[in-house]
Structure formats: structure tokens, C-alpha cells
Protein backbone atom coordinates (compact mmCIF):
# COMPACT_ATOMS: atom_id res chain seq x y z
CA MET A 1 18.13 -83.93 -0.99
CA ASP A 2 20.21 -83.59 2.16
CA PRO A 3 19.39 -80.04 3.39
CA THR A 4 22.71 -79.86 5.29
CA ALA A 5 24.81 -80.49 2.17
CA HIS A 6 22.96 -78.85 -0.73
CA VAL A 7 24.06 -75.34 -1.77
CA PRO A 8 20.96 -73.46 -2.93
CA SER A 9 20.90 -72.38 -6.57
CA LEU A 10 19.22 -69.30 -8.02
CA ALA A 11 16.35 -71.60 -9.01
CA ASP A 12 16.04 -72.74 -5.38
CA ILE A 13 15.91 -69.11 -4.23
CA GLU A 14 13.33 -68.15 -6.85
CA ASN A 15 11.23 -71.20 -5.92
CA ALA A 16 11.46 -70.15 -2.28
CA ALA A 17 10.30 -66.65 -3.21
CA ALA A 18 7.28 -68.08 -5.01
CA ARG A 19 6.51 -70.49 -2.15
CA ILE A 20 6.52 -67.84 0.56
CA ALA A 21 4.94 -65.04 -1.49
CA PRO A 22 1.45 -65.67 -0.05
CA LEU A 23 2.89 -65.75 3.49
CA ALA A 24 5.74 -63.24 3.87
CA GLN A 25 5.82 -59.46 3.67
CA VAL A 26 7.71 -57.55 0.99
CA THR A 27 9.64 -55.29 3.34
CA PRO A 28 10.55 -51.69 2.44
CA VAL A 29 13.96 -50.16 1.80
CA LEU A 30 14.56 -46.94 3.74
CA ARG A 31 17.03 -44.13 3.10
CA SER A 32 18.50 -41.34 5.25
CA ALA A 33 20.46 -38.41 3.83
CA SER A 34 21.98 -37.68 7.24
CA LEU A 35 23.20 -41.29 7.66
CA ASP A 36 24.62 -41.21 4.11
CA ALA A 37 26.59 -38.10 5.05
CA LEU A 38 27.79 -39.68 8.29
CA ALA A 39 28.89 -42.89 6.56
CA GLY A 40 30.33 -41.32 3.40
CA CYS A 41 28.34 -43.66 1.15
CA SER A 42 24.83 -44.35 -0.10
CA LEU A 43 22.95 -46.55 2.39
CA HIS A 44 19.88 -48.62 1.59
CA PHE A 45 18.29 -50.24 4.66
CA LYS A 46 16.33 -53.44 3.97
CA CYS A 47 13.78 -53.44 6.78
CA GLU A 48 13.45 -57.09 7.75
CA HIS A 49 12.51 -56.03 11.27
CA LEU A 50 9.14 -55.28 9.63
CA GLN A 51 8.81 -58.87 8.41
CA ARG A 52 6.27 -61.18 10.06
CA ILE A 53 7.39 -62.11 13.62
CA GLY A 54 9.66 -59.06 13.46
CA ALA A 55 12.63 -60.67 11.71
CA PHE A 56 13.94 -62.08 8.42
CA LYS A 57 13.74 -65.54 9.98
CA PHE A 58 10.16 -66.00 8.82
CA ARG A 59 11.38 -66.28 5.22
CA GLY A 60 13.55 -69.33 5.83
CA ALA A 61 11.17 -70.96 8.29
CA ALA A 62 8.19 -70.60 5.95
CA ASN A 63 10.12 -71.99 3.02
CA ALA A 64 11.33 -74.99 5.02
CA VAL A 65 8.00 -75.78 6.69
CA PHE A 66 5.93 -75.42 3.52
CA SER A 67 8.38 -77.50 1.47
CA LEU A 68 7.94 -80.51 3.79
CA SER A 69 6.03 -83.46 2.40
CA ASP A 70 2.66 -84.13 3.99
CA GLU A 71 4.12 -87.25 5.61
CA ASP A 72 7.04 -85.36 7.17
CA ALA A 73 4.86 -82.44 8.19
CA ALA A 74 2.47 -84.73 10.05
CA ARG A 75 5.32 -85.66 12.42
CA GLY A 76 5.67 -82.04 13.46
CA VAL A 77 8.74 -79.80 13.37
CA VAL A 78 11.64 -79.50 15.81
CA THR A 79 14.11 -76.64 15.84
CA GLN A 80 16.52 -74.72 18.05
CA SER A 81 16.67 -70.95 18.27
CA SER A 82 17.88 -67.93 20.20
CA GLY A 83 14.37 -66.58 19.68
CA ASN A 84 13.46 -65.19 16.26
CA HIS A 85 13.81 -68.43 14.28
CA GLY A 86 11.75 -70.21 16.91
CA ALA A 87 8.94 -67.70 16.57
CA ALA A 88 9.17 -67.96 12.79
CA VAL A 89 8.94 -71.75 12.83
CA ALA A 90 6.10 -71.59 15.35
CA LEU A 91 4.10 -69.25 13.10
CA ALA A 92 4.86 -71.22 9.93
CA CYS A 93 3.75 -74.43 11.64
CA ARG A 94 0.59 -72.79 12.91
CA LEU A 95 -0.20 -71.62 9.39
CA ARG A 96 0.32 -75.17 8.09
CA GLY A 97 -1.59 -76.70 11.00
CA ILE A 98 1.20 -78.87 12.41
CA PRO A 99 2.91 -78.99 15.84
CA ALA A 100 6.27 -77.36 16.59
CA THR A 101 8.81 -77.78 19.40
CA VAL A 102 11.51 -75.14 19.87
CA VAL A 103 14.68 -75.54 21.95
CA VAL A 104 15.58 -72.09 23.35
CA PRO A 105 18.38 -70.85 25.64
CA ARG A 106 17.25 -69.80 29.09
CA THR A 107 18.89 -66.42 28.46
CA ALA A 108 16.69 -65.56 25.47
CA PRO A 109 14.84 -62.23 25.80
CA ALA A 110 11.38 -62.57 27.32
CA ILE A 111 9.78 -60.92 24.27
CA LYS A 112 11.15 -63.69 22.02
CA LEU A 113 10.11 -66.53 24.35
CA ALA A 114 6.63 -65.04 24.59
CA ALA A 115 6.33 -64.87 20.80
CA ILE A 116 7.26 -68.55 20.38
CA ARG A 117 4.63 -69.59 22.91
CA ASP A 118 2.03 -67.19 21.54
CA PHE A 119 2.34 -68.80 18.11
CA GLY A 120 1.57 -72.17 19.68
CA ALA A 121 4.92 -73.95 19.88
CA ARG A 122 6.15 -76.02 22.80
CA VAL A 123 9.30 -74.50 24.34
CA VAL A 124 12.16 -76.60 25.73
CA LEU A 125 14.73 -74.53 27.63
CA CYS A 126 18.48 -75.20 27.57
CA GLU A 127 21.78 -73.46 28.32
CA HIS A 128 22.90 -70.88 25.76
CA ASP A 129 26.07 -72.53 24.40
CA GLN A 130 25.84 -74.34 21.07
CA ALA A 131 26.66 -77.77 22.50
CA SER A 132 23.73 -77.52 24.92
CA ARG A 133 21.40 -76.42 22.15
CA ASP A 134 22.47 -79.34 19.96
CA ALA A 135 22.13 -81.90 22.75
CA ALA A 136 18.67 -80.71 23.75
CA THR A 137 17.54 -80.66 20.11
CA ALA A 138 18.77 -84.21 19.57
CA GLU A 139 16.85 -85.37 22.65
CA VAL A 140 13.62 -83.73 21.46
CA LEU A 141 14.05 -85.33 18.03
CA ARG A 142 14.39 -88.74 19.67
CA GLU A 143 11.29 -88.12 21.78
CA THR A 144 9.03 -86.75 19.05
CA GLY A 145 10.30 -88.15 15.75
CA GLY A 146 9.72 -84.69 14.34
CA ALA A 147 11.24 -83.16 11.22
CA LEU A 148 14.27 -80.98 11.94
CA VAL A 149 14.32 -77.46 10.52
CA HIS A 150 17.75 -76.20 11.49
CA PRO A 151 18.00 -72.42 11.98
CA PHE A 152 20.89 -71.97 9.54
CA ASN A 153 22.58 -75.21 8.43
CA ASP A 154 19.70 -76.05 6.09
CA ALA A 155 19.49 -75.33 2.36
CA ARG A 156 15.72 -74.70 2.58
CA VAL A 157 16.25 -72.08 5.27
CA ILE A 158 19.16 -70.46 3.43
CA ALA A 159 17.14 -70.23 0.22
CA GLY A 160 14.31 -68.58 2.13
CA GLN A 161 16.63 -66.05 3.77
CA ALA A 162 18.13 -65.29 0.35
CA THR A 163 14.81 -63.90 -0.83
CA ALA A 164 15.40 -60.75 1.26
CA THR A 165 18.42 -59.87 -0.90
CA LEU A 166 16.59 -60.86 -4.09
CA GLU A 167 13.97 -58.24 -3.14
CA LEU A 168 16.57 -55.69 -2.07
CA LEU A 169 18.41 -55.81 -5.39
CA ARG A 170 15.13 -55.26 -7.25
CA GLN A 171 14.14 -52.39 -4.97
CA ALA A 172 17.55 -50.69 -5.05
CA PRO A 173 19.19 -51.42 -8.43
CA GLY A 174 22.90 -50.81 -8.75
CA LEU A 175 24.04 -51.80 -5.26
CA ASP A 176 27.71 -52.80 -5.26
CA THR A 177 27.95 -53.91 -1.61
CA VAL A 178 25.65 -55.71 0.82
CA VAL A 179 26.21 -56.14 4.57
CA ALA A 180 24.33 -58.65 6.72
CA PRO A 181 24.73 -59.86 10.31
CA VAL A 182 26.38 -63.24 10.79
CA SER A 183 25.74 -65.78 13.52
CA GLY A 184 25.15 -69.32 12.22
CA GLY A 185 25.51 -67.91 8.72
CA GLY A 186 22.11 -68.69 7.20
CA LEU A 187 21.25 -65.07 6.40
CA LEU A 188 24.74 -64.15 5.23
CA SER A 189 24.98 -67.29 3.06
CA GLY A 190 21.63 -66.55 1.46
CA THR A 191 22.59 -62.90 1.00
CA ALA A 192 25.82 -63.84 -0.76
CA LEU A 193 24.23 -66.49 -2.98
CA ALA A 194 21.40 -64.18 -4.07
CA ALA A 195 23.73 -61.24 -4.66
CA HIS A 196 26.30 -63.20 -6.67
CA ALA A 197 23.60 -64.90 -8.74
CA GLN A 198 22.60 -61.39 -9.88
CA ASP A 199 26.08 -59.85 -10.07
CA PRO A 200 29.28 -61.69 -9.08
CA GLY A 201 30.96 -58.32 -8.55
CA ILE A 202 28.82 -57.35 -5.56
CA ARG A 203 30.88 -57.40 -2.36
CA VAL A 204 29.12 -59.17 0.51
CA PHE A 205 30.34 -58.58 4.06
CA GLY A 206 29.25 -60.11 7.32
CA ALA A 207 29.06 -58.00 10.47
CA GLU A 208 29.77 -59.66 13.81
CA PRO A 209 30.27 -58.55 17.43
CA GLU A 210 33.75 -58.89 18.91
CA GLY A 211 32.31 -60.99 21.72
CA ALA A 212 31.07 -63.64 19.27
CA ARG A 213 33.77 -63.55 16.62
CA ASP A 214 33.87 -67.22 15.67
CA ALA A 215 32.69 -66.59 12.08
CA HIS A 216 35.42 -63.98 11.55
CA ASP A 217 38.10 -66.24 12.99
CA SER A 218 36.81 -69.35 11.21
CA LEU A 219 36.92 -67.71 7.79
CA ALA A 220 40.25 -66.00 8.47
CA GLY A 221 41.86 -69.25 9.63
CA GLY A 222 40.18 -71.61 7.17
CA THR A 223 38.88 -73.91 9.92
CA ARG A 224 35.39 -73.85 11.44
CA ILE A 225 35.62 -72.88 15.11
CA VAL A 226 33.15 -74.43 17.54
CA GLY A 227 32.66 -74.49 21.29
CA ARG A 228 33.42 -70.87 22.18
CA ARG A 229 31.22 -69.04 24.69
CA ALA A 230 29.79 -65.88 23.15
CA GLU A 231 29.49 -62.73 25.27
CA THR A 232 27.66 -59.91 23.51
CA VAL A 233 24.58 -57.73 23.74
CA CYS A 234 23.58 -59.21 20.36
CA ASP A 235 21.57 -62.16 21.66
CA GLY A 236 20.72 -63.28 18.13
CA LEU A 237 24.38 -63.59 17.07
CA ARG A 238 25.69 -66.17 19.53
CA ALA A 239 25.56 -69.26 17.33
CA GLU A 240 28.51 -70.68 15.37
CA LEU A 241 28.80 -71.37 11.65
CA GLY A 242 27.41 -74.64 10.39
CA THR A 243 29.23 -76.96 8.02
CA LEU A 244 27.13 -75.81 5.06
CA THR A 245 27.24 -72.08 5.82
CA PHE A 246 30.99 -72.22 6.45
CA ALA A 247 31.55 -73.75 3.01
CA ILE A 248 29.32 -71.18 1.29
CA LEU A 249 30.89 -68.21 3.04
CA ARG A 250 34.44 -69.36 2.32
CA GLU A 251 33.59 -69.05 -1.36
CA HIS A 252 31.27 -66.04 -1.40
CA ALA A 253 31.93 -63.66 1.52
CA ALA A 254 34.32 -60.73 1.10
CA GLY A 255 35.00 -60.90 4.85
CA VAL A 256 33.48 -60.48 8.28
CA LEU A 257 33.79 -57.07 9.95
CA LEU A 258 34.02 -56.94 13.74
CA VAL A 259 32.37 -54.31 15.93
CA ASP A 260 32.17 -53.91 19.69
CA ASP A 261 28.98 -53.78 21.71
CA ALA A 262 29.26 -50.04 22.35
CA GLU A 263 29.34 -49.42 18.58
CA VAL A 264 26.32 -51.71 18.14
CA VAL A 265 24.31 -49.82 20.77
CA ALA A 266 25.28 -46.47 19.24
CA ALA A 267 24.17 -47.68 15.79
CA MET A 268 20.91 -48.99 17.23
CA ARG A 269 20.23 -45.55 18.65
CA LEU A 270 21.13 -43.85 15.37
CA VAL A 271 18.59 -45.98 13.52
CA TRP A 272 15.96 -44.94 16.04
CA GLU A 273 16.90 -41.25 15.76
CA ARG A 274 17.39 -40.99 11.99
CA LEU A 275 15.08 -43.66 10.54
CA LYS A 276 12.55 -43.74 13.41
CA GLN A 277 12.85 -47.53 13.49
CA ALA A 278 13.23 -49.76 16.56
CA ILE A 279 15.69 -52.56 15.82
CA GLU A 280 17.40 -55.12 18.04
CA PRO A 281 21.18 -55.08 18.63
CA SER A 282 21.74 -58.01 16.26
CA ALA A 283 20.33 -55.88 13.44
CA ALA A 284 22.41 -52.82 14.30
CA VAL A 285 25.73 -54.57 13.63
CA THR A 286 25.47 -53.77 9.91
CA LEU A 287 25.39 -50.00 10.36
CA ALA A 288 27.99 -50.27 13.13
CA ALA A 289 30.34 -52.05 10.71
CA VAL A 290 29.91 -49.44 7.96
CA LEU A 291 30.64 -46.65 10.43
CA ARG A 292 33.68 -48.43 11.92
CA TYR A 293 35.32 -49.17 8.54
CA PRO A 294 34.53 -46.11 6.39
CA GLU A 295 37.43 -46.76 4.03
CA ARG A 296 35.79 -49.99 2.82
CA PHE A 297 32.54 -48.29 1.90
CA ALA A 298 33.48 -44.75 0.80
CA GLY A 299 31.43 -43.67 -2.20
CA ARG A 300 29.75 -47.06 -2.61
CA ARG A 301 26.07 -48.04 -2.87
CA VAL A 302 25.53 -50.24 0.15
CA GLY A 303 22.59 -52.43 1.11
CA LEU A 304 22.24 -53.18 4.83
CA ILE A 305 19.98 -55.93 6.15
CA LEU A 306 18.19 -54.78 9.31
CA SER A 307 17.55 -58.32 10.46
CA GLY A 308 15.12 -57.96 13.35
CA GLY A 309 13.26 -55.67 15.70
CA ASN A 310 12.39 -57.85 18.69
CA VAL A 311 13.95 -55.76 21.43
CA ASP A 312 12.75 -55.60 25.00
CA LEU A 313 11.56 -52.00 25.34
CA ASP A 314 11.90 -52.21 29.13
CA ALA A 315 15.63 -52.95 28.76
CA LEU A 316 16.85 -50.84 25.84
CA PRO A 317 20.66 -50.97 25.90
CA PHE A 318 21.10 -47.38 24.77
CA ALA A 319 18.70 -46.23 27.51
CA ARG A 320 20.81 -48.05 30.11
CA ALA A 321 23.99 -46.55 28.65
CA ALA A 322 22.53 -43.06 28.94
């Protein structure tokens, strides 16, 4: 199977859930009456910031790493990441007892770089644009002969990320809408595939910062946009759609909703105040989108994926804004 061309089926997602069950956390779903009143709808927050390594990324990384053959695993794993996926791959490889190398932008938050190293992976730094990430990853693959686990353009990773929505729909029956952040599209693709396998009528939206709007523009224009420089406080949402995720989202996503960084920071603070949860900006885009477009969500039962909580507490954006 070519992991860059295979669209995961419900069976693939269920197999991923079984594979990672001994490894991953079943994360809770939180509610807030005051946030429901503010948004004008029923909100169900899937707390993937409470997942191992502090992000949903562990699901996809664990599924990919533990689905490798023994022969492929022995060569070690290579990946690229803005931080959370790298930490997830590093931990999954440590649990399997194999080496990992992670290509990371120099601009990644210190907390994310530290996590990758703490889990035992070798870090290779690069510039933060996608072309630089791809070039550095290709060079490491040539040097090591390792097995590539791409952060989003990989069916094994997408199937693993989809397990978060599989859980969410069991924990909060009757949802008619799900919102997830979008960067490279692995989480949103998995979210859409899992949701539509259960109920094709569920609307699945991506949420994306204005300063990294390539997914929105790609889906609106019907052509995958590459090569833009992303400028946003959401450090985890600066990648561009892959060929596989673009194809999946063209079929399954109801749209991508844009928010600005100020709205993201305000939503991040609201989650802290109302849910008492510390999330990173990339996770706050979902609530920011619901609050910016109330007409799309009025009266609906909405699931929101809080994707990660790896925020530098010494540089909280809402603290700086205050």
C-alpha cells in the first residue's frame, strides 16, 4: 500500500483504534453552559490537548510506527514537524525501541523542541517554509535510509488521527457538526472520514488562521496551493495541504472557516477562563471559528477538536496582549 495515495476506510480507522488502544489515552469531552450561551449552540470539546505528548498527533504517529514491519522499523523513522508530530513520533519510536530523526523549523516553540529531544529523537533544524522542510527531510532520508512517517500526507497517520472523532461521536451522540483545525490536513481528513463513515449528514468544517489560509484558498479554487509563507501565531498550522489530504477534503469538507490571530488569542483565553484548560493557539481556532460565524452553527450540536496544549507559559499570547 502506498500511504500517500490510499484513502483510509472505516476498517482502517477501526484497526488503528485497536492498534493504539494500549498506547493512547481516551480523552474526555468537556462542556460549558456559558460558552454554549455565548456561541448560541451546544459545544462539545474533545480534549486532545490531554492526549500523550499533549496533542492528537500521538494517535497518528503511534498507528504509523506500530504498523511498520519489523524490517522497516529496524531502519528507524524519519519525519518532519512543527513540533507536536515530532514529539509524537519520538515517543512512539521510543516505545517500539527504534531510532527517530525529526526535521523541525528553527522557529518551533522551545517547549516542543525540548519534548522531541526528551523522547530520544535526533533533531535536524531547518527553515520554517514547507520547501525547506521537504528538502531537509529528503536529505535525512538519503543519509539514514529510514522509513518516512509523513505528518499528514500518510494514510496510516490520517487513520490514527481519525480515531479522535470516532471516540468523540461515541462520547457525544447526536452531533451534527464537527470543527477541527487544518494545516496539512491530516486531522481534518481523519475527522471527516470518521464522521461521514458514521453519518454522511454530519457537517465537517476546518478552521484556519487568515495568515496561513492556503487550505481555504486551495479548496475554494480547486487547486492545491503550495509555496506561500505563513504568518500566524498558530505555529502548528503553517503547513500546506498534501496531495492525499487535498483530495479527501475536496470530497468531505463542508468548508474552511478563516479567523484572525486576535480572535484565536481571545478564544484561547476563553477556554482557559471557562473550561480551565490551557491550550495552544492552533487548538483555539475551532472555538474562534464558531464564535466568528454564529449563523453557521446556531442551534446545532457541535464537536470541537482541541488539538493540542503545548504552549510556552512564559510567552502566553493573551498575556502579552493584556
